[in-house]
N, C-alpha and C. Protein backbone atom coordinates (compact mmCIF):
# COMPACT_ATOMS: atom_id res chain seq x y z
N UNK A 1 51.92 -32.23 42.48
CA UNK A 1 50.92 -33.73 42.20
C UNK A 1 51.30 -35.21 42.33
N UNK A 2 52.41 -35.47 42.14
CA UNK A 2 53.16 -36.81 42.69
C UNK A 2 53.03 -37.27 43.98
N UNK A 3 53.00 -36.09 44.79
CA UNK A 3 52.51 -36.04 46.42
C UNK A 3 51.27 -36.86 46.10
N UNK A 4 50.42 -36.51 45.96
CA UNK A 4 49.22 -37.19 45.66
C UNK A 4 49.18 -38.42 45.09
N UNK A 5 49.95 -38.83 43.96
CA UNK A 5 49.80 -39.91 43.69
C UNK A 5 50.39 -41.00 44.43
N UNK A 6 51.17 -40.33 45.09
CA UNK A 6 52.22 -41.41 45.72
C UNK A 6 51.71 -41.68 47.34
N UNK A 7 50.89 -41.07 47.73
CA UNK A 7 49.50 -41.22 48.63
C UNK A 7 48.55 -42.24 48.19
N UNK A 8 48.25 -42.05 47.33
CA UNK A 8 47.22 -43.20 46.92
C UNK A 8 47.89 -44.51 46.60
N UNK A 9 48.66 -44.35 45.87
CA UNK A 9 49.45 -45.41 45.59
C UNK A 9 49.97 -46.44 47.09
N UNK A 10 50.28 -45.38 47.75
CA UNK A 10 50.47 -46.21 49.40
C UNK A 10 49.39 -46.75 50.04
N UNK A 11 48.12 -45.47 49.79
CA UNK A 11 46.80 -46.37 50.56
C UNK A 11 46.17 -47.49 49.95
N UNK A 12 46.49 -47.62 48.82
CA UNK A 12 45.89 -48.85 47.50
C UNK A 12 47.19 -50.19 48.40
N UNK A 13 48.11 -50.14 48.28
CA UNK A 13 49.00 -50.81 48.94
C UNK A 13 48.58 -51.61 50.24
N UNK A 14 48.43 -50.51 51.39
CA UNK A 14 47.75 -50.69 52.54
C UNK A 14 46.72 -51.84 52.35
N UNK A 15 45.77 -51.31 51.51
CA UNK A 15 44.35 -51.94 51.21
C UNK A 15 44.77 -53.00 50.74
N UNK A 16 45.18 -53.40 49.94
CA UNK A 16 45.85 -54.94 49.30
C UNK A 16 46.46 -55.70 50.31
N UNK A 17 46.96 -55.29 51.39
CA UNK A 17 47.56 -55.78 52.26
C UNK A 17 46.60 -56.16 53.48
N UNK A 18 46.07 -55.68 53.76
CA UNK A 18 44.93 -55.38 54.76
C UNK A 18 44.14 -56.97 54.18
N UNK A 19 43.44 -56.79 52.96
CA UNK A 19 42.63 -57.75 52.43
C UNK A 19 43.03 -59.32 52.11
N UNK A 20 44.82 -58.72 51.94
CA UNK A 20 45.59 -60.62 51.62
C UNK A 20 45.88 -60.93 53.04
N UNK A 21 45.87 -60.01 54.31
CA UNK A 21 46.20 -60.62 55.26
C UNK A 21 44.54 -61.13 56.16
N UNK A 22 43.56 -60.57 55.78
CA UNK A 22 42.12 -61.24 56.73
C UNK A 22 41.78 -62.39 55.55
N UNK A 23 42.20 -62.29 53.86
CA UNK A 23 42.07 -63.35 53.57
C UNK A 23 42.89 -64.70 54.28
N UNK A 24 44.18 -64.38 54.63
CA UNK A 24 44.89 -65.46 54.98
C UNK A 24 44.60 -66.16 56.61
N UNK A 25 43.83 -65.15 57.46
CA UNK A 25 43.24 -65.36 58.69
C UNK A 25 41.81 -66.09 58.04
N UNK A 26 41.17 -65.87 57.48
CA UNK A 26 40.38 -66.86 57.24
C UNK A 26 40.42 -68.20 56.80
N UNK A 27 41.35 -67.99 55.86
CA UNK A 27 41.61 -69.49 55.28
C UNK A 27 42.74 -70.51 56.01
N UNK A 28 43.23 -69.80 57.07
CA UNK A 28 44.30 -70.55 58.02
C UNK A 28 44.16 -71.76 58.46
N UNK A 29 45.08 -72.69 58.17
CA UNK A 29 45.02 -73.88 58.41
C UNK A 29 44.95 -74.66 59.94
N UNK A 30 45.12 -74.15 60.63
CA UNK A 30 45.30 -74.28 62.17
C UNK A 30 44.98 -73.01 62.96
N UNK A 31 44.48 -73.05 64.13
CA UNK A 31 44.24 -71.87 65.20
C UNK A 31 45.57 -71.60 65.74
N UNK A 32 46.80 -72.16 65.35
CA UNK A 32 48.16 -71.78 65.69
C UNK A 32 48.16 -70.51 64.46
N UNK A 33 48.22 -70.89 63.28
CA UNK A 33 48.62 -70.30 62.17
C UNK A 33 47.74 -68.76 62.36
N UNK A 34 46.29 -69.16 62.42
CA UNK A 34 45.21 -68.07 62.62
C UNK A 34 45.93 -66.90 63.79
N UNK A 35 46.21 -67.68 64.56
CA UNK A 35 46.96 -66.66 66.06
C UNK A 35 48.27 -66.02 65.46
N UNK A 36 49.21 -66.67 65.09
CA UNK A 36 50.28 -65.99 64.24
C UNK A 36 49.70 -64.84 63.00
N UNK A 37 48.92 -65.03 62.55
CA UNK A 37 48.56 -64.13 61.48
C UNK A 37 47.60 -62.64 62.14
N UNK A 38 47.29 -62.92 63.07
CA UNK A 38 46.46 -61.79 63.83
C UNK A 38 47.38 -61.54 64.60
N UNK A 39 48.24 -61.71 65.19
CA UNK A 39 49.23 -61.06 66.02
C UNK A 39 50.44 -60.07 65.16
N UNK A 40 50.50 -60.59 63.89
CA UNK A 40 50.68 -59.77 62.39
C UNK A 40 49.97 -58.17 62.49
N UNK A 41 48.57 -58.91 62.16
CA UNK A 41 47.90 -57.86 61.70
C UNK A 41 47.49 -56.84 62.57
N UNK A 42 47.69 -57.14 64.03
CA UNK A 42 47.66 -56.14 64.85
C UNK A 42 48.97 -55.37 65.53
N UNK A 43 49.98 -55.86 64.99
CA UNK A 43 51.34 -55.19 65.15
C UNK A 43 51.16 -53.90 63.62
N UNK A 44 51.04 -54.13 63.02
CA UNK A 44 50.75 -53.73 62.07
C UNK A 44 49.65 -52.40 61.63
N UNK A 45 48.97 -52.64 62.56
CA UNK A 45 47.81 -51.99 62.63
C UNK A 45 48.08 -50.77 63.47
N UNK A 46 48.82 -50.65 64.62
CA UNK A 46 49.64 -49.64 65.21
C UNK A 46 50.40 -48.84 64.60
N UNK A 47 51.11 -49.61 63.61
CA UNK A 47 51.88 -48.93 62.96
C UNK A 47 51.73 -48.10 61.70
N UNK A 48 50.23 -48.09 61.66
CA UNK A 48 50.04 -47.61 60.06
C UNK A 48 49.75 -45.97 60.53
N UNK A 49 49.40 -45.61 61.35
CA UNK A 49 48.98 -44.06 61.57
C UNK A 49 50.05 -43.37 62.84
């Protein structure tokens, strides 16, 4: 049972991270910061699964 709970917690944490990163990209103060955040998001996406 704890394995299922751990998977749910990990999934929620990933969703929180995606939302936070998306919010940061949307509110980035400059194009350079936005591009850096997009690079981070793309790097995270390749390691997710």
